[in-house]
């Protein structure tokens, strides 16, 4: 079921085209990441790599992994990473905890060098968080950074 829904979302993104995906879909997602309500930011933070992965990478009807050029790495770096940086400083520990479980999922989408340059400082910041749940969440997901196949590298 999940595979067919992600394929549908990817097909929808392909149908509307690169410009609409970049401007509208990502624009609305960025608004959710910046919402005034901590609950909205928490929910959006918990979906960071998933939303982007569905647009960029998908499995076809035969289960074969495919990649598209609907969303370039530069768009992620310019539009999503600044939001992630802000969320690392969020006043809500729940937002930071949700982000800590998902931030490592950005590494395969960004590639090795941008991960080192942009995400590593955020990982280190979250590892120093005052709340144990945030620290535990980031520690438990760091292995994904080394295991991930970089799909936009």
N, C-alpha and C. Protein backbone atom coordinates (compact mmCIF):
# COMPACT_ATOMS: atom_id res chain seq x y z
N UNK A 1 0.82 -1.20 0.00
CA UNK A 1 0.00 0.00 0.00
C UNK A 1 0.86 1.26 0.00
N UNK A 2 1.89 1.27 0.88
CA UNK A 2 2.76 2.44 0.95
C UNK A 2 3.47 2.66 -0.37
N UNK A 3 3.95 1.59 -0.99
CA UNK A 3 4.65 1.71 -2.26
C UNK A 3 3.77 2.33 -3.33
N UNK A 4 2.50 1.93 -3.40
CA UNK A 4 1.61 2.48 -4.42
C UNK A 4 1.27 3.94 -4.12
N UNK A 5 1.16 4.31 -2.85
CA UNK A 5 0.85 5.71 -2.55
C UNK A 5 2.05 6.60 -2.83
N UNK A 6 3.28 6.12 -2.56
CA UNK A 6 4.45 6.94 -2.87
C UNK A 6 4.63 7.07 -4.38
N UNK A 7 4.32 6.00 -5.11
CA UNK A 7 4.38 6.07 -6.57
C UNK A 7 3.37 7.09 -7.07
N UNK A 8 2.17 7.11 -6.48
CA UNK A 8 1.14 8.06 -6.88
C UNK A 8 1.60 9.50 -6.62
N UNK A 9 2.17 9.74 -5.43
CA UNK A 9 2.63 11.09 -5.11
C UNK A 9 3.73 11.50 -6.08
N UNK A 10 4.64 10.57 -6.37
CA UNK A 10 5.71 10.89 -7.31
C UNK A 10 5.14 11.18 -8.70
N UNK A 11 4.18 10.37 -9.15
CA UNK A 11 3.57 10.60 -10.46
C UNK A 11 2.85 11.94 -10.49
N UNK A 12 2.18 12.28 -9.40
CA UNK A 12 1.52 13.58 -9.30
C UNK A 12 2.54 14.70 -9.40
N UNK A 13 3.65 14.56 -8.70
CA UNK A 13 4.70 15.58 -8.76
C UNK A 13 5.26 15.69 -10.17
N UNK A 14 5.45 14.56 -10.86
CA UNK A 14 5.93 14.60 -12.24
C UNK A 14 4.91 15.26 -13.16
N UNK A 15 3.63 15.01 -12.89
CA UNK A 15 2.58 15.57 -13.75
C UNK A 15 2.52 17.10 -13.66
N UNK A 16 2.69 17.63 -12.46
CA UNK A 16 2.60 19.08 -12.32
C UNK A 16 3.88 19.77 -12.75
N UNK A 17 4.98 19.05 -12.76
CA UNK A 17 6.22 19.60 -13.29
C UNK A 17 7.15 20.17 -12.25
N UNK A 18 8.39 20.34 -12.67
CA UNK A 18 9.46 20.75 -11.79
C UNK A 18 9.23 22.12 -11.17
N UNK A 19 8.75 23.08 -11.93
CA UNK A 19 8.57 24.42 -11.39
C UNK A 19 7.53 24.45 -10.28
N UNK A 20 6.39 23.77 -10.49
CA UNK A 20 5.36 23.74 -9.46
C UNK A 20 5.82 22.97 -8.23
N UNK A 21 6.56 21.89 -8.43
CA UNK A 21 7.08 21.14 -7.28
C UNK A 21 8.00 22.04 -6.48
N UNK A 22 8.91 22.71 -7.18
CA UNK A 22 9.89 23.56 -6.51
C UNK A 22 9.22 24.72 -5.79
N UNK A 23 8.31 25.38 -6.46
CA UNK A 23 7.72 26.59 -5.89
C UNK A 23 6.54 26.32 -4.96
N UNK A 24 5.61 25.50 -5.40
CA UNK A 24 4.38 25.31 -4.63
C UNK A 24 4.51 24.23 -3.55
N UNK A 25 4.85 23.02 -3.96
CA UNK A 25 4.90 21.92 -3.00
C UNK A 25 5.95 22.18 -1.92
N UNK A 26 7.15 22.52 -2.34
CA UNK A 26 8.20 22.81 -1.37
C UNK A 26 7.88 24.07 -0.59
N UNK A 27 7.30 25.05 -1.25
CA UNK A 27 6.91 26.29 -0.56
C UNK A 27 5.91 26.04 0.56
N UNK A 28 4.91 25.21 0.29
CA UNK A 28 3.92 24.89 1.33
C UNK A 28 4.55 24.07 2.45
N UNK A 29 5.45 23.18 2.10
CA UNK A 29 6.12 22.38 3.13
C UNK A 29 6.99 23.27 4.02
N UNK A 30 7.68 24.21 3.44
CA UNK A 30 8.50 25.15 4.21
C UNK A 30 7.61 25.95 5.17
N UNK A 31 6.42 26.34 4.72
CA UNK A 31 5.49 27.05 5.60
C UNK A 31 5.11 26.19 6.81
N UNK A 32 4.93 24.88 6.59
CA UNK A 32 4.63 23.99 7.71
C UNK A 32 5.80 23.90 8.68
N UNK A 33 7.01 23.87 8.14
CA UNK A 33 8.20 23.80 8.99
C UNK A 33 8.37 25.08 9.82
N UNK A 34 7.78 26.19 9.36
CA UNK A 34 7.91 27.48 10.04
C UNK A 34 6.63 27.88 10.78
N UNK A 35 5.67 27.00 10.86
CA UNK A 35 4.38 27.30 11.46
C UNK A 35 4.54 27.80 12.90
N UNK A 36 3.58 28.61 13.35
CA UNK A 36 3.61 29.14 14.71
C UNK A 36 3.34 28.08 15.77
N UNK A 37 2.63 27.03 15.40
CA UNK A 37 2.26 25.98 16.36
C UNK A 37 3.34 24.90 16.41
N UNK A 38 3.81 24.60 17.61
CA UNK A 38 4.85 23.58 17.79
C UNK A 38 4.38 22.21 17.29
N UNK A 39 3.10 21.91 17.45
CA UNK A 39 2.58 20.61 17.00
C UNK A 39 2.71 20.45 15.49
N UNK A 40 2.48 21.53 14.76
CA UNK A 40 2.61 21.49 13.30
C UNK A 40 4.07 21.33 12.92
N UNK A 41 4.96 22.09 13.56
CA UNK A 41 6.39 21.96 13.28
C UNK A 41 6.89 20.56 13.63
N UNK A 42 6.39 19.98 14.72
CA UNK A 42 6.78 18.63 15.11
C UNK A 42 6.37 17.63 14.04
N UNK A 43 5.14 17.72 13.58
CA UNK A 43 4.66 16.80 12.54
C UNK A 43 5.44 16.98 11.24
N UNK A 44 5.68 18.21 10.85
CA UNK A 44 6.42 18.48 9.62
C UNK A 44 7.87 18.02 9.74
N UNK A 45 8.47 18.23 10.91
CA UNK A 45 9.86 17.80 11.14
C UNK A 45 9.99 16.29 11.05
N UNK A 46 8.98 15.61 11.49
CA UNK A 46 8.99 14.15 11.47
C UNK A 46 8.84 13.56 10.08
N UNK A 47 8.64 14.42 9.08
CA UNK A 47 8.45 13.95 7.71
C UNK A 47 9.50 14.48 6.75
N UNK A 48 10.52 15.13 7.27
CA UNK A 48 11.47 15.84 6.38
C UNK A 48 12.03 14.97 5.27
N UNK A 49 12.73 13.89 5.54
CA UNK A 49 13.28 13.17 4.39
C UNK A 49 12.21 12.45 3.58
N UNK A 50 11.15 12.03 4.23
CA UNK A 50 10.09 11.29 3.54
C UNK A 50 9.43 12.10 2.44
N UNK A 51 9.11 13.34 2.74
CA UNK A 51 8.47 14.21 1.74
C UNK A 51 9.39 14.39 0.55
N UNK A 52 10.65 14.66 0.81
CA UNK A 52 11.61 14.89 -0.27
C UNK A 52 11.92 13.60 -1.03
N UNK A 53 12.02 12.50 -0.30
CA UNK A 53 12.35 11.22 -0.94
C UNK A 53 11.25 10.79 -1.91
N UNK A 54 10.00 11.00 -1.52
CA UNK A 54 8.88 10.63 -2.38
C UNK A 54 8.93 11.40 -3.69
N UNK A 55 9.37 12.65 -3.64
CA UNK A 55 9.46 13.45 -4.86
C UNK A 55 10.64 13.02 -5.71
N UNK A 56 11.77 12.75 -5.06
CA UNK A 56 13.01 12.49 -5.77
C UNK A 56 13.19 11.02 -6.14
N UNK A 57 12.90 10.13 -5.22
CA UNK A 57 13.15 8.70 -5.41
C UNK A 57 11.83 7.95 -5.24
N UNK A 58 11.59 6.97 -6.06
CA UNK A 58 10.35 6.22 -5.97
C UNK A 58 10.57 4.80 -6.47
N UNK A 59 9.64 3.93 -6.14
CA UNK A 59 9.66 2.56 -6.65
C UNK A 59 8.56 2.44 -7.68
N UNK A 60 8.88 1.87 -8.84
CA UNK A 60 7.86 1.71 -9.87
C UNK A 60 6.99 0.49 -9.55
N UNK A 61 6.08 0.17 -10.42
CA UNK A 61 5.14 -0.93 -10.19
C UNK A 61 5.84 -2.26 -9.99
N UNK A 62 7.04 -2.42 -10.54
CA UNK A 62 7.81 -3.65 -10.38
C UNK A 62 8.72 -3.62 -9.16
N UNK A 63 8.67 -2.54 -8.40
CA UNK A 63 9.49 -2.43 -7.22
C UNK A 63 10.90 -1.93 -7.48
N UNK A 64 11.16 -1.46 -8.67
CA UNK A 64 12.49 -0.97 -9.02
C UNK A 64 12.61 0.49 -8.59
N UNK A 65 13.72 0.79 -7.90
CA UNK A 65 13.94 2.15 -7.42
C UNK A 65 14.28 3.05 -8.59
N UNK A 66 13.60 4.19 -8.68
CA UNK A 66 13.86 5.16 -9.74
C UNK A 66 14.14 6.52 -9.15
N UNK A 67 14.83 7.34 -9.91
CA UNK A 67 15.17 8.69 -9.48
C UNK A 67 14.70 9.68 -10.52
N UNK A 68 14.33 10.86 -10.07
CA UNK A 68 13.90 11.88 -11.01
C UNK A 68 14.67 13.16 -10.75
N UNK A 69 14.52 14.09 -11.61
CA UNK A 69 15.17 15.39 -11.46
C UNK A 69 14.14 16.46 -11.09
N UNK A 70 13.07 16.03 -10.41
CA UNK A 70 12.04 16.99 -10.02
C UNK A 70 12.54 17.97 -8.96
N UNK A 71 13.49 17.57 -8.19
CA UNK A 71 13.96 18.41 -7.11
C UNK A 71 15.48 18.30 -7.03
N UNK A 72 16.15 19.36 -7.33
CA UNK A 72 17.60 19.35 -7.31
C UNK A 72 18.12 19.51 -5.89
N UNK A 73 19.33 19.04 -5.69
CA UNK A 73 20.00 19.14 -4.40
C UNK A 73 20.08 20.61 -3.95
N UNK A 74 20.27 21.51 -4.90
CA UNK A 74 20.41 22.93 -4.56
C UNK A 74 19.12 23.49 -3.94
N UNK A 75 17.97 23.00 -4.40
CA UNK A 75 16.70 23.45 -3.83
C UNK A 75 16.59 22.99 -2.37
N UNK A 76 17.01 21.77 -2.11
CA UNK A 76 16.99 21.27 -0.73
C UNK A 76 17.93 22.12 0.13
N UNK A 77 19.12 22.40 -0.40
CA UNK A 77 20.09 23.19 0.36
C UNK A 77 19.61 24.62 0.60
N UNK A 78 18.93 25.20 -0.37
CA UNK A 78 18.48 26.59 -0.23
C UNK A 78 17.18 26.76 0.52
N UNK A 79 16.27 25.79 0.42
CA UNK A 79 14.94 25.97 1.00
C UNK A 79 14.70 25.14 2.26
N UNK A 80 15.20 23.90 2.30
CA UNK A 80 14.90 23.01 3.42
C UNK A 80 15.96 23.09 4.51
N UNK A 81 17.23 23.06 4.15
CA UNK A 81 18.30 23.06 5.15
C UNK A 81 18.24 24.29 6.07
N UNK A 82 17.96 25.51 5.57
CA UNK A 82 17.82 26.63 6.51
C UNK A 82 16.69 26.42 7.53
N UNK A 83 15.61 25.80 7.10
CA UNK A 83 14.51 25.49 8.03
C UNK A 83 14.97 24.48 9.07
N UNK A 84 15.71 23.47 8.62
CA UNK A 84 16.23 22.45 9.52
C UNK A 84 17.17 23.10 10.54
N UNK A 85 17.99 24.02 10.07
CA UNK A 85 18.90 24.74 10.97
C UNK A 85 18.10 25.48 12.04
N UNK A 86 17.02 26.15 11.64
CA UNK A 86 16.17 26.86 12.60
C UNK A 86 15.49 25.89 13.56
N UNK A 87 15.05 24.75 13.04
CA UNK A 87 14.36 23.77 13.89
C UNK A 87 15.29 23.16 14.93
N UNK A 88 16.58 23.11 14.64
CA UNK A 88 17.56 22.62 15.63
C UNK A 88 17.61 23.54 16.84
N UNK A 89 17.20 24.79 16.66
CA UNK A 89 17.21 25.79 17.74
C UNK A 89 15.80 26.01 18.31
N UNK A 90 14.82 25.24 17.85
CA UNK A 90 13.42 25.45 18.23
C UNK A 90 13.26 25.41 19.75
N UNK A 91 12.34 26.21 20.26
CA UNK A 91 12.09 26.24 21.70
C UNK A 91 11.39 24.99 22.19
N UNK A 92 10.74 24.26 21.32
CA UNK A 92 10.02 23.04 21.71
C UNK A 92 10.94 21.83 21.62
N UNK A 93 11.10 21.14 22.74
CA UNK A 93 11.91 19.92 22.75
C UNK A 93 11.27 18.85 21.87
N UNK A 94 9.97 18.87 21.69
CA UNK A 94 9.28 17.87 20.87
C UNK A 94 9.63 18.07 19.39
N UNK A 95 9.75 19.32 18.97
CA UNK A 95 10.16 19.61 17.61
C UNK A 95 11.58 19.11 17.38
N UNK A 96 12.47 19.42 18.31
CA UNK A 96 13.86 18.99 18.18
C UNK A 96 13.98 17.47 18.22
N UNK A 97 13.17 16.82 19.05
CA UNK A 97 13.21 15.36 19.14
C UNK A 97 12.72 14.73 17.82
N UNK A 98 11.66 15.27 17.25
CA UNK A 98 11.16 14.76 15.97
C UNK A 98 12.19 14.98 14.87
N UNK A 99 12.80 16.15 14.87
CA UNK A 99 13.82 16.46 13.88
C UNK A 99 15.01 15.51 14.03
N UNK A 100 15.40 15.24 15.26
CA UNK A 100 16.56 14.38 15.51
C UNK A 100 16.36 12.96 14.97
N UNK A 101 15.12 12.50 14.92
CA UNK A 101 14.87 11.16 14.39
C UNK A 101 14.92 11.13 12.87
N UNK A 102 14.80 12.28 12.22
CA UNK A 102 14.68 12.31 10.76
C UNK A 102 15.80 13.02 10.02
N UNK A 103 16.56 13.85 10.68
CA UNK A 103 17.54 14.69 10.00
C UNK A 103 18.58 13.87 9.23
N UNK A 104 18.96 12.72 9.76
CA UNK A 104 19.98 11.90 9.08
C UNK A 104 19.46 11.38 7.75
N UNK A 105 18.15 11.32 7.57
CA UNK A 105 17.57 10.88 6.30
C UNK A 105 17.81 11.86 5.16
N UNK A 106 18.26 13.06 5.48
CA UNK A 106 18.59 14.03 4.42
C UNK A 106 19.93 13.70 3.76
N UNK A 107 20.81 13.00 4.47
CA UNK A 107 22.15 12.73 3.95
C UNK A 107 22.15 12.04 2.59
N UNK A 108 21.36 10.98 2.39
CA UNK A 108 21.37 10.34 1.06
C UNK A 108 20.86 11.26 -0.05
N UNK A 109 20.01 12.21 0.29
CA UNK A 109 19.48 13.13 -0.71
C UNK A 109 20.48 14.24 -1.05
N UNK A 110 21.34 14.59 -0.11
CA UNK A 110 22.28 15.69 -0.32
C UNK A 110 23.62 15.24 -0.89
N UNK A 111 24.05 14.06 -0.51
CA UNK A 111 25.37 13.62 -0.92
C UNK A 111 26.38 13.83 0.20
N UNK A 112 27.56 13.27 0.00
CA UNK A 112 28.57 13.24 1.06
C UNK A 112 29.07 14.63 1.46
N UNK A 113 29.54 15.42 0.50
CA UNK A 113 30.14 16.71 0.84
C UNK A 113 29.13 17.69 1.45
N UNK A 114 27.92 17.85 0.87
CA UNK A 114 26.94 18.74 1.52
C UNK A 114 26.51 18.24 2.90
N UNK A 115 26.51 16.92 3.10
CA UNK A 115 26.18 16.39 4.42
C UNK A 115 27.23 16.82 5.43
N UNK A 116 28.49 16.69 5.05
CA UNK A 116 29.57 17.10 5.95
C UNK A 116 29.50 18.60 6.22
N UNK A 117 29.27 19.36 5.17
CA UNK A 117 29.27 20.82 5.29
C UNK A 117 28.05 21.37 6.02
N UNK A 118 26.86 20.84 5.72
CA UNK A 118 25.63 21.45 6.24
C UNK A 118 24.97 20.68 7.38
N UNK A 119 25.02 19.35 7.33
CA UNK A 119 24.30 18.58 8.34
C UNK A 119 25.15 18.22 9.55
N UNK A 120 26.43 17.97 9.35
CA UNK A 120 27.28 17.57 10.48
C UNK A 120 27.24 18.59 11.63
N UNK A 121 27.31 19.90 11.37
CA UNK A 121 27.20 20.85 12.49
C UNK A 121 25.84 20.74 13.21
N UNK A 122 24.80 20.41 12.46
CA UNK A 122 23.47 20.27 13.09
C UNK A 122 23.40 19.00 13.93
N UNK A 123 24.02 17.91 13.43
CA UNK A 123 24.10 16.68 14.23
C UNK A 123 24.80 16.96 15.55
N UNK A 124 25.92 17.65 15.48
CA UNK A 124 26.70 17.96 16.69
C UNK A 124 25.91 18.83 17.65
N UNK A 125 25.17 19.79 17.11
CA UNK A 125 24.33 20.64 17.96
C UNK A 125 23.26 19.82 18.68
N UNK A 126 22.60 18.93 17.96
CA UNK A 126 21.56 18.10 18.57
C UNK A 126 22.14 17.11 19.58
N UNK A 127 23.37 16.67 19.36
CA UNK A 127 24.02 15.77 20.32
C UNK A 127 24.28 16.47 21.66
N UNK A 128 24.29 17.79 21.66
CA UNK A 128 24.54 18.57 22.88
C UNK A 128 23.25 19.11 23.49
N UNK A 129 22.11 18.70 22.96
CA UNK A 129 20.82 19.22 23.45
C UNK A 129 20.64 18.89 24.93
N UNK A 130 19.94 19.76 25.63
CA UNK A 130 19.72 19.56 27.07
C UNK A 130 18.76 18.42 27.38
N UNK A 131 17.94 18.01 26.41
CA UNK A 131 16.96 16.96 26.65
C UNK A 131 17.47 15.61 26.15
N UNK A 132 17.45 14.60 27.01
CA UNK A 132 17.98 13.28 26.65
C UNK A 132 17.29 12.65 25.44
N UNK A 133 15.99 12.88 25.26
CA UNK A 133 15.27 12.29 24.14
C UNK A 133 15.84 12.78 22.80
N UNK A 134 16.19 14.05 22.73
CA UNK A 134 16.77 14.62 21.51
C UNK A 134 18.12 13.95 21.25
N UNK A 135 18.96 13.86 22.27
CA UNK A 135 20.28 13.25 22.12
C UNK A 135 20.16 11.78 21.71
N UNK A 136 19.26 11.06 22.36
CA UNK A 136 19.07 9.65 22.04
C UNK A 136 18.58 9.47 20.61
N UNK A 137 17.65 10.30 20.17
CA UNK A 137 17.11 10.20 18.81
C UNK A 137 18.18 10.42 17.76
N UNK A 138 19.04 11.40 17.96
CA UNK A 138 20.08 11.67 16.96
C UNK A 138 21.12 10.56 16.97
N UNK A 139 21.49 10.08 18.14
CA UNK A 139 22.47 8.99 18.24
C UNK A 139 21.96 7.74 17.56
N UNK A 140 20.69 7.43 17.76
CA UNK A 140 20.13 6.18 17.22
C UNK A 140 20.00 6.20 15.70
N UNK A 141 20.09 7.36 15.08
CA UNK A 141 19.91 7.45 13.62
C UNK A 141 21.18 7.79 12.86
N UNK A 142 22.28 8.06 13.54
CA UNK A 142 23.50 8.47 12.85
C UNK A 142 24.07 7.39 11.93
N UNK A 143 23.78 6.14 12.21
CA UNK A 143 24.29 5.06 11.34
C UNK A 143 23.71 5.16 9.93
N UNK A 144 22.56 5.79 9.78
CA UNK A 144 21.95 5.97 8.45
C UNK A 144 22.83 6.82 7.54
N UNK A 145 23.58 7.72 8.14
CA UNK A 145 24.43 8.60 7.36
C UNK A 145 25.51 7.79 6.65
N UNK A 146 26.09 6.84 7.34
CA UNK A 146 27.14 6.01 6.75
C UNK A 146 26.58 4.93 5.84
N UNK A 147 25.40 4.42 6.13
CA UNK A 147 24.80 3.35 5.34
C UNK A 147 24.16 3.85 4.06
N UNK A 148 23.69 5.08 4.05
CA UNK A 148 22.86 5.59 2.97
C UNK A 148 23.55 5.59 1.62
N UNK A 149 22.79 5.18 0.61
CA UNK A 149 23.25 5.32 -0.77
C UNK A 149 22.85 6.72 -1.20
N UNK A 150 23.79 7.50 -1.66
CA UNK A 150 23.51 8.89 -2.01
C UNK A 150 22.88 8.95 -3.37
N UNK A 151 21.61 9.37 -3.42
CA UNK A 151 20.87 9.31 -4.69
C UNK A 151 20.97 10.60 -5.50
N UNK A 152 21.41 11.70 -4.90
CA UNK A 152 21.56 12.94 -5.68
C UNK A 152 23.03 13.38 -5.74
N UNK A 153 23.92 12.52 -5.34
CA UNK A 153 25.34 12.89 -5.27
C UNK A 153 25.90 13.25 -6.62
